Structures are given as C-alpha cells and as structure tokens.
N, C-alpha and C. Protein backbone atom coordinates (compact mmCIF):
# COMPACT_ATOMS: atom_id res chain seq x y z
N UNK A 1 18.16 35.20 138.30
CA UNK A 1 18.16 34.01 137.48
C UNK A 1 18.89 34.33 136.17
N UNK A 2 19.81 33.49 135.73
CA UNK A 2 20.54 33.76 134.50
C UNK A 2 19.62 33.63 133.28
N UNK A 3 20.02 34.32 132.23
CA UNK A 3 19.27 34.26 130.99
C UNK A 3 19.30 32.83 130.43
N UNK A 4 18.14 32.34 130.07
CA UNK A 4 18.04 31.01 129.47
C UNK A 4 17.50 31.20 128.05
N UNK A 5 18.21 30.69 127.08
CA UNK A 5 17.79 30.81 125.69
C UNK A 5 16.47 30.08 125.46
N UNK A 6 15.74 30.51 124.44
CA UNK A 6 14.48 29.85 124.13
C UNK A 6 14.74 28.40 123.71
N UNK A 7 13.70 27.60 123.80
CA UNK A 7 13.83 26.18 123.44
C UNK A 7 14.29 26.02 122.00
N UNK A 8 13.77 26.87 121.10
CA UNK A 8 14.15 26.78 119.69
C UNK A 8 15.63 27.09 119.52
N UNK A 9 16.12 28.14 120.19
CA UNK A 9 17.53 28.49 120.08
C UNK A 9 18.41 27.37 120.63
N UNK A 10 18.03 26.82 121.76
CA UNK A 10 18.82 25.73 122.36
C UNK A 10 18.81 24.51 121.45
N UNK A 11 17.67 24.19 120.89
CA UNK A 11 17.56 23.03 120.02
C UNK A 11 18.38 23.23 118.75
N UNK A 12 18.30 24.41 118.16
CA UNK A 12 19.05 24.68 116.94
C UNK A 12 20.55 24.59 117.19
N UNK A 13 21.01 25.08 118.33
CA UNK A 13 22.43 24.98 118.66
C UNK A 13 22.87 23.54 118.86
N UNK A 14 21.97 22.69 119.32
CA UNK A 14 22.30 21.29 119.59
C UNK A 14 22.17 20.41 118.34
N UNK A 15 21.56 20.95 117.27
CA UNK A 15 21.34 20.17 116.05
C UNK A 15 22.57 20.26 115.15
N UNK A 16 22.94 19.15 114.52
CA UNK A 16 24.05 19.15 113.58
C UNK A 16 23.82 20.22 112.51
N UNK A 17 24.88 20.90 112.15
CA UNK A 17 24.79 21.99 111.18
C UNK A 17 24.24 21.50 109.84
N UNK A 18 24.62 20.30 109.42
CA UNK A 18 24.14 19.79 108.13
C UNK A 18 22.63 19.57 108.13
N UNK A 19 22.08 19.19 109.26
CA UNK A 19 20.63 19.00 109.36
C UNK A 19 19.93 20.34 109.30
N UNK A 20 20.43 21.31 110.05
CA UNK A 20 19.83 22.65 110.04
C UNK A 20 19.91 23.25 108.64
N UNK A 21 21.03 23.08 107.98
CA UNK A 21 21.20 23.60 106.61
C UNK A 21 20.24 22.91 105.64
N UNK A 22 20.06 21.60 105.79
CA UNK A 22 19.13 20.86 104.93
C UNK A 22 17.70 21.38 105.12
N UNK A 23 17.31 21.61 106.36
CA UNK A 23 15.96 22.12 106.63
C UNK A 23 15.80 23.51 106.05
N UNK A 24 16.82 24.36 106.19
CA UNK A 24 16.76 25.72 105.62
C UNK A 24 16.63 25.67 104.10
N UNK A 25 17.40 24.79 103.46
CA UNK A 25 17.31 24.66 101.99
C UNK A 25 15.93 24.16 101.58
N UNK A 26 15.35 23.27 102.37
CA UNK A 26 14.02 22.75 102.06
C UNK A 26 12.98 23.86 102.17
N UNK A 27 13.10 24.70 103.18
CA UNK A 27 12.17 25.83 103.32
C UNK A 27 12.28 26.73 102.10
N UNK A 28 13.51 27.08 101.73
CA UNK A 28 13.72 27.95 100.56
C UNK A 28 13.16 27.30 99.29
N UNK A 29 13.41 26.02 99.13
CA UNK A 29 12.90 25.29 97.97
C UNK A 29 11.38 25.31 97.94
N UNK A 30 10.75 25.10 99.09
CA UNK A 30 9.29 25.13 99.16
C UNK A 30 8.75 26.50 98.78
N UNK A 31 9.38 27.56 99.28
CA UNK A 31 8.92 28.92 98.98
C UNK A 31 9.06 29.19 97.49
N UNK A 32 10.19 28.81 96.91
CA UNK A 32 10.40 29.03 95.47
C UNK A 32 9.37 28.24 94.66
N UNK A 33 9.12 26.99 95.04
CA UNK A 33 8.14 26.18 94.32
C UNK A 33 6.76 26.81 94.40
N UNK A 34 6.31 27.17 95.59
CA UNK A 34 4.96 27.69 95.75
C UNK A 34 4.80 29.11 95.21
N UNK A 35 5.90 29.80 95.00
CA UNK A 35 5.82 31.13 94.38
C UNK A 35 5.32 31.03 92.94
N UNK A 36 5.56 29.89 92.31
CA UNK A 36 5.12 29.72 90.92
C UNK A 36 3.75 29.05 90.82
N UNK A 37 3.14 28.75 91.95
CA UNK A 37 1.85 28.07 91.97
C UNK A 37 0.71 29.09 92.10
N UNK A 38 -0.52 28.63 91.87
CA UNK A 38 -1.66 29.52 92.03
C UNK A 38 -2.04 29.66 93.50
N UNK A 39 -2.98 30.54 93.76
CA UNK A 39 -3.38 30.84 95.14
C UNK A 39 -3.93 29.61 95.87
N UNK A 40 -4.64 28.74 95.15
CA UNK A 40 -5.20 27.54 95.81
C UNK A 40 -4.08 26.64 96.34
N UNK A 41 -3.01 26.51 95.56
CA UNK A 41 -1.89 25.69 96.01
C UNK A 41 -1.23 26.32 97.24
N UNK A 42 -1.08 27.64 97.24
CA UNK A 42 -0.54 28.33 98.41
C UNK A 42 -1.43 28.11 99.63
N UNK A 43 -2.73 28.23 99.42
CA UNK A 43 -3.68 28.03 100.52
C UNK A 43 -3.57 26.60 101.08
N UNK A 44 -3.46 25.61 100.18
CA UNK A 44 -3.33 24.21 100.64
C UNK A 44 -2.04 24.02 101.43
N UNK A 45 -0.95 24.61 100.94
CA UNK A 45 0.33 24.47 101.66
C UNK A 45 0.26 25.14 103.03
N UNK A 46 -0.38 26.29 103.10
CA UNK A 46 -0.52 26.97 104.40
C UNK A 46 -1.37 26.14 105.35
N UNK A 47 -2.38 25.45 104.84
CA UNK A 47 -3.17 24.56 105.69
C UNK A 47 -2.33 23.38 106.17
N UNK A 48 -1.46 22.85 105.29
CA UNK A 48 -0.56 21.77 105.70
C UNK A 48 0.37 22.25 106.82
N UNK A 49 0.88 23.47 106.67
CA UNK A 49 1.78 24.01 107.69
C UNK A 49 1.05 24.20 109.02
N UNK A 50 -0.23 24.55 108.96
CA UNK A 50 -1.01 24.70 110.20
C UNK A 50 -1.17 23.36 110.92
N UNK A 51 -1.15 22.27 110.17
CA UNK A 51 -1.30 20.94 110.77
C UNK A 51 0.04 20.28 111.11
N UNK A 52 1.14 20.85 110.63
CA UNK A 52 2.45 20.23 110.87
C UNK A 52 2.83 20.30 112.34
N UNK A 53 3.30 19.20 112.87
CA UNK A 53 3.74 19.14 114.27
C UNK A 53 5.18 19.61 114.34
N UNK A 54 5.46 20.51 115.29
CA UNK A 54 6.84 20.93 115.50
C UNK A 54 7.55 19.94 116.41
N UNK A 55 8.85 20.11 116.55
CA UNK A 55 9.68 19.16 117.30
C UNK A 55 9.23 19.04 118.76
N UNK A 56 8.82 20.14 119.35
CA UNK A 56 8.38 20.08 120.76
C UNK A 56 7.15 19.18 120.90
N UNK A 57 6.20 19.33 119.99
CA UNK A 57 4.98 18.52 120.06
C UNK A 57 5.29 17.05 119.80
N UNK A 58 6.17 16.78 118.84
CA UNK A 58 6.55 15.40 118.54
C UNK A 58 7.24 14.77 119.74
N UNK A 59 8.16 15.52 120.37
CA UNK A 59 8.85 14.99 121.55
C UNK A 59 7.87 14.71 122.68
N UNK A 60 6.94 15.63 122.91
CA UNK A 60 5.97 15.45 123.99
C UNK A 60 5.07 14.24 123.73
N UNK A 61 4.58 14.10 122.51
CA UNK A 61 3.70 12.98 122.18
C UNK A 61 4.46 11.66 122.27
N UNK A 62 5.68 11.65 121.75
CA UNK A 62 6.50 10.44 121.81
C UNK A 62 6.79 10.07 123.27
N UNK A 63 7.16 11.06 124.07
CA UNK A 63 7.46 10.78 125.47
C UNK A 63 6.23 10.26 126.21
N UNK A 64 5.09 10.87 125.95
CA UNK A 64 3.86 10.42 126.62
C UNK A 64 3.52 8.98 126.24
N UNK A 65 3.66 8.66 124.97
CA UNK A 65 3.34 7.30 124.51
C UNK A 65 4.30 6.28 125.13
N UNK A 66 5.59 6.57 125.11
CA UNK A 66 6.57 5.62 125.66
C UNK A 66 6.42 5.53 127.18
N UNK A 67 6.14 6.65 127.82
CA UNK A 67 5.94 6.64 129.27
C UNK A 67 4.74 5.77 129.65
N UNK A 68 3.63 5.94 128.94
CA UNK A 68 2.45 5.12 129.21
C UNK A 68 2.71 3.64 128.93
N UNK A 69 3.46 3.36 127.87
CA UNK A 69 3.82 1.99 127.56
C UNK A 69 4.65 1.39 128.70
N UNK A 70 5.62 2.15 129.19
CA UNK A 70 6.45 1.68 130.30
C UNK A 70 5.64 1.42 131.56
N UNK A 71 4.68 2.30 131.83
CA UNK A 71 3.82 2.09 133.00
C UNK A 71 2.95 0.85 132.85
N UNK A 72 2.37 0.67 131.66
CA UNK A 72 1.52 -0.49 131.43
C UNK A 72 2.33 -1.78 131.50
N UNK A 73 3.49 -1.80 130.86
CA UNK A 73 4.32 -3.01 130.92
C UNK A 73 4.81 -3.27 132.35
N UNK A 74 5.10 -2.20 133.08
CA UNK A 74 5.52 -2.36 134.47
C UNK A 74 4.42 -2.95 135.33
N UNK A 75 3.20 -2.53 135.06
CA UNK A 75 2.08 -3.02 135.84
C UNK A 75 1.69 -4.45 135.47
N UNK A 76 1.65 -4.74 134.18
CA UNK A 76 1.14 -6.04 133.73
C UNK A 76 2.21 -7.09 133.47
N UNK A 77 3.45 -6.69 133.28
CA UNK A 77 4.46 -7.68 132.91
C UNK A 77 5.56 -7.81 133.97
N UNK A 78 6.36 -6.77 134.14
CA UNK A 78 7.47 -6.83 135.08
C UNK A 78 7.77 -5.42 135.58
N UNK A 79 8.04 -5.31 136.86
CA UNK A 79 8.33 -4.00 137.45
C UNK A 79 9.55 -3.34 136.82
N UNK A 80 10.40 -4.11 136.19
CA UNK A 80 11.60 -3.54 135.54
C UNK A 80 11.24 -2.55 134.43
N UNK A 81 10.07 -2.71 133.84
CA UNK A 81 9.64 -1.80 132.79
C UNK A 81 9.43 -0.39 133.31
N UNK A 82 9.27 -0.22 134.61
CA UNK A 82 9.14 1.13 135.16
C UNK A 82 10.39 1.96 134.89
N UNK A 83 11.51 1.29 134.66
CA UNK A 83 12.75 2.01 134.31
C UNK A 83 12.60 2.77 133.00
N UNK A 84 11.81 2.23 132.09
CA UNK A 84 11.56 2.91 130.82
C UNK A 84 10.87 4.25 131.07
N UNK A 85 9.86 4.25 131.91
CA UNK A 85 9.17 5.50 132.24
C UNK A 85 10.10 6.47 132.94
N UNK A 86 10.95 5.96 133.81
CA UNK A 86 11.92 6.80 134.50
C UNK A 86 12.88 7.44 133.50
N UNK A 87 13.36 6.66 132.53
CA UNK A 87 14.28 7.19 131.52
C UNK A 87 13.60 8.27 130.68
N UNK A 88 12.34 8.06 130.31
CA UNK A 88 11.61 9.06 129.52
C UNK A 88 11.45 10.35 130.32
N UNK A 89 11.12 10.23 131.59
CA UNK A 89 10.99 11.43 132.44
C UNK A 89 12.32 12.16 132.53
N UNK A 90 13.42 11.42 132.64
CA UNK A 90 14.75 12.05 132.69
C UNK A 90 15.07 12.75 131.37
N UNK A 91 14.70 12.13 130.25
CA UNK A 91 14.91 12.76 128.94
C UNK A 91 14.12 14.06 128.82
N UNK A 92 12.88 14.06 129.30
CA UNK A 92 12.06 15.27 129.25
C UNK A 92 12.66 16.38 130.11
N UNK A 93 13.15 16.00 131.27
CA UNK A 93 13.79 16.99 132.15
C UNK A 93 15.06 17.54 131.49
N UNK A 94 15.82 16.67 130.90
CA UNK A 94 17.04 17.10 130.20
C UNK A 94 16.67 18.05 129.06
N UNK A 95 15.62 17.74 128.33
CA UNK A 95 15.19 18.61 127.23
C UNK A 95 14.75 19.98 127.77
N UNK A 96 14.05 19.98 128.87
CA UNK A 96 13.61 21.25 129.46
C UNK A 96 14.81 22.10 129.90
N UNK A 97 15.84 21.48 130.41
CA UNK A 97 17.01 22.20 130.90
C UNK A 97 17.98 22.59 129.80
N UNK A 98 18.21 21.69 128.85
CA UNK A 98 19.26 21.90 127.85
C UNK A 98 18.75 22.12 126.43
N UNK A 99 17.47 21.87 126.18
CA UNK A 99 16.94 22.00 124.83
C UNK A 99 17.31 20.83 123.94
N UNK A 100 17.77 19.75 124.55
CA UNK A 100 18.19 18.57 123.81
C UNK A 100 17.91 17.34 124.64
N UNK A 101 17.59 16.25 123.99
CA UNK A 101 17.50 14.94 124.64
C UNK A 101 17.80 13.89 123.57
N UNK A 102 18.10 12.65 123.96
CA UNK A 102 18.54 11.65 122.99
C UNK A 102 17.64 11.45 121.76
N UNK A 103 16.31 11.52 121.85
CA UNK A 103 15.52 11.33 120.62
C UNK A 103 15.58 12.52 119.64
N UNK A 104 16.02 13.67 120.10
CA UNK A 104 16.00 14.87 119.27
C UNK A 104 16.76 14.71 117.94
N UNK A 105 18.00 14.23 117.95
CA UNK A 105 18.70 14.10 116.66
C UNK A 105 17.96 13.19 115.67
N UNK A 106 17.35 12.13 116.17
CA UNK A 106 16.59 11.23 115.30
C UNK A 106 15.43 11.98 114.64
N UNK A 107 14.65 12.69 115.44
CA UNK A 107 13.50 13.42 114.89
C UNK A 107 13.95 14.50 113.92
N UNK A 108 15.05 15.19 114.24
CA UNK A 108 15.56 16.23 113.33
C UNK A 108 16.01 15.60 112.02
N UNK A 109 16.68 14.46 112.08
CA UNK A 109 17.11 13.77 110.85
C UNK A 109 15.90 13.32 110.02
N UNK A 110 14.79 13.03 110.68
CA UNK A 110 13.56 12.66 109.99
C UNK A 110 12.83 13.88 109.41
N UNK A 111 13.38 15.08 109.67
CA UNK A 111 12.81 16.29 109.08
C UNK A 111 11.83 17.04 109.95
N UNK A 112 11.72 16.66 111.21
CA UNK A 112 10.81 17.37 112.10
C UNK A 112 11.42 18.74 112.40
N UNK A 113 10.64 19.78 112.17
CA UNK A 113 11.14 21.15 112.27
C UNK A 113 10.72 21.82 113.57
N UNK A 114 11.42 22.89 113.88
CA UNK A 114 11.03 23.71 115.03
C UNK A 114 9.84 24.58 114.63
N UNK A 115 9.13 25.10 115.62
CA UNK A 115 8.01 26.00 115.34
C UNK A 115 8.51 27.22 114.56
N UNK A 116 9.69 27.70 114.89
CA UNK A 116 10.26 28.85 114.21
C UNK A 116 10.51 28.54 112.73
N UNK A 117 10.99 27.36 112.42
CA UNK A 117 11.23 26.97 111.03
C UNK A 117 9.92 26.86 110.25
N UNK A 118 8.90 26.31 110.88
CA UNK A 118 7.58 26.22 110.25
C UNK A 118 7.03 27.61 110.01
N UNK A 119 7.15 28.49 111.02
CA UNK A 119 6.66 29.87 110.89
C UNK A 119 7.40 30.64 109.81
N UNK A 120 8.68 30.37 109.64
CA UNK A 120 9.46 31.03 108.60
C UNK A 120 8.85 30.73 107.23
N UNK A 121 8.58 29.47 106.96
CA UNK A 121 7.96 29.12 105.67
C UNK A 121 6.56 29.71 105.57
N UNK A 122 5.79 29.62 106.64
CA UNK A 122 4.42 30.14 106.64
C UNK A 122 4.41 31.63 106.30
N UNK A 123 5.26 32.40 106.94
CA UNK A 123 5.27 33.84 106.72
C UNK A 123 5.75 34.20 105.31
N UNK A 124 6.72 33.47 104.80
CA UNK A 124 7.18 33.73 103.42
C UNK A 124 6.06 33.44 102.42
N UNK A 125 5.33 32.35 102.63
CA UNK A 125 4.23 32.03 101.72
C UNK A 125 3.08 33.03 101.84
N UNK A 126 2.80 33.48 103.05
CA UNK A 126 1.77 34.50 103.21
C UNK A 126 2.17 35.80 102.54
N UNK A 127 3.45 36.13 102.61
CA UNK A 127 3.92 37.33 101.94
C UNK A 127 3.78 37.19 100.42
N UNK A 128 4.11 36.04 99.89
CA UNK A 128 3.95 35.81 98.45
C UNK A 128 2.49 35.85 98.04
N UNK A 129 1.63 35.39 98.92
CA UNK A 129 0.19 35.39 98.64
C UNK A 129 -0.37 36.80 98.67
N UNK A 130 0.38 37.73 99.30
CA UNK A 130 -0.06 39.12 99.35
C UNK A 130 -0.66 39.54 100.67
N UNK A 131 -0.57 38.70 101.68
CA UNK A 131 -1.16 39.02 102.98
C UNK A 131 -0.52 40.25 103.61
N UNK A 132 0.73 40.53 103.31
CA UNK A 132 1.45 41.64 103.93
C UNK A 132 1.82 42.70 102.90
N UNK A 133 1.03 42.82 101.86
CA UNK A 133 1.40 43.70 100.75
C UNK A 133 1.56 45.16 101.16
N UNK A 134 0.96 45.56 102.24
CA UNK A 134 1.08 46.95 102.69
C UNK A 134 2.26 47.16 103.62
N UNK A 135 2.96 46.10 103.93
CA UNK A 135 4.09 46.21 104.85
C UNK A 135 5.21 47.01 104.19
N UNK A 136 5.75 47.98 104.93
CA UNK A 136 6.79 48.85 104.42
C UNK A 136 7.91 48.99 105.42
N UNK A 137 9.14 49.14 104.89
CA UNK A 137 10.28 49.51 105.72
C UNK A 137 10.16 50.98 106.09
N UNK A 138 11.00 51.43 107.01
CA UNK A 138 11.00 52.85 107.40
C UNK A 138 11.29 53.77 106.23
N UNK A 139 12.12 53.30 105.27
CA UNK A 139 12.46 54.13 104.11
C UNK A 139 11.42 54.01 102.99
N UNK A 140 10.24 53.43 103.31
CA UNK A 140 9.09 53.31 102.41
C UNK A 140 9.30 52.30 101.28
N UNK A 141 10.31 51.44 101.36
CA UNK A 141 10.45 50.37 100.39
C UNK A 141 9.67 49.17 100.88
N UNK A 142 9.23 48.37 99.95
CA UNK A 142 8.41 47.22 100.30
C UNK A 142 9.23 46.12 100.97
N UNK A 143 8.65 45.52 101.97
CA UNK A 143 9.27 44.37 102.63
C UNK A 143 9.17 43.15 101.71
N UNK A 144 8.20 43.15 100.83
CA UNK A 144 7.89 42.00 100.01
C UNK A 144 8.82 41.87 98.81
N UNK A 145 9.39 42.94 98.32
CA UNK A 145 10.21 42.89 97.11
C UNK A 145 11.31 41.83 97.15
N UNK A 146 12.05 41.69 98.25
CA UNK A 146 13.07 40.62 98.27
C UNK A 146 12.49 39.23 98.08
N UNK A 147 11.29 38.99 98.58
CA UNK A 147 10.66 37.69 98.41
C UNK A 147 10.30 37.43 96.95
N UNK A 148 9.83 38.48 96.25
CA UNK A 148 9.52 38.32 94.84
C UNK A 148 10.80 38.06 94.04
N UNK A 149 11.90 38.65 94.46
CA UNK A 149 13.17 38.39 93.78
C UNK A 149 13.55 36.92 93.90
N UNK A 150 13.33 36.34 95.08
CA UNK A 150 13.60 34.91 95.28
C UNK A 150 12.68 34.08 94.40
N UNK A 151 11.43 34.48 94.34
CA UNK A 151 10.43 33.72 93.56
C UNK A 151 10.73 33.79 92.06
N UNK A 152 11.34 34.87 91.59
CA UNK A 152 11.62 35.03 90.17
C UNK A 152 12.84 34.26 89.72
N UNK A 153 13.58 33.66 90.65
CA UNK A 153 14.77 32.90 90.27
C UNK A 153 14.48 31.77 89.34
C-alpha cells in the first residue's frame, strides 16, 4: 500500500496559503499575548483550547447534521432530498481519500483549525506556563528559552 499522508498534512496542502499563514500568525499572536498574562489567564486559554473543535470534528458534525436533514426531508417531503445525503456521503469519502472536500475551504476561512494547529498553541502556552521547564536539548540548553524570547518581544 502506498504511503498516505496524514489528514492534517493533506488538509494543510489543500488549504490556500494565505489562510494557513493567517492561522499561523493568529497562533503566534495568541502566544505573545498570553505570555504577558498571569497564570489564571493561561489556564483559561488552555481550557478554551481543550474545548475547541478541530476541522475534522466540525466536518463530521456538519456532515452528520446535513445527512440527517437530507434523510428526514427525503422521508417526509420528497425522495429527491435523498440526493443531499448522497452528496454528503460522497464529500466525506472524498475527504477521507484526499483530505479535502467542498466545505473545507469555507470552514478554514471561518478560522477552524486543524488538531495540529490547536496543539501547537497549546504546547507553546504550556511551555510558557512552565509545564516543560525541565525539558532540555541534547547540548543541555533549555527548549523553553526560544519561547521566552518570543514572549519578550
């Protein structure tokens, strides 16, 4: 079986570069902002990140809702509505195969992030909070120092 890139990698490659860059700048901006905040603010932001839905979850929930709507309308109104459910199933299959489907650009433009993008912010904030203060490179330099340099900007 040929190598298949992860869903995040496939999605990122399919996303317009300006959207990906905007999301990256937002992550950096959030980290810089929360670096100047107290621990309670960091804790609240980390809780928000734990509740944030990634693009995969948003796509799945959206597809399930539209699919159920198509089935209900097909049953109670007109059989033609079953085409809506068929289209949603095709979009999900396309997303599974290619990491992209028609609703993806819309959700990305609305700021829905990948799990990897959410984790990137989460880990940077945890590092600023001191969760990884003992983390060291092989040459015994701190992994955290570059993050403090960003925070001091």
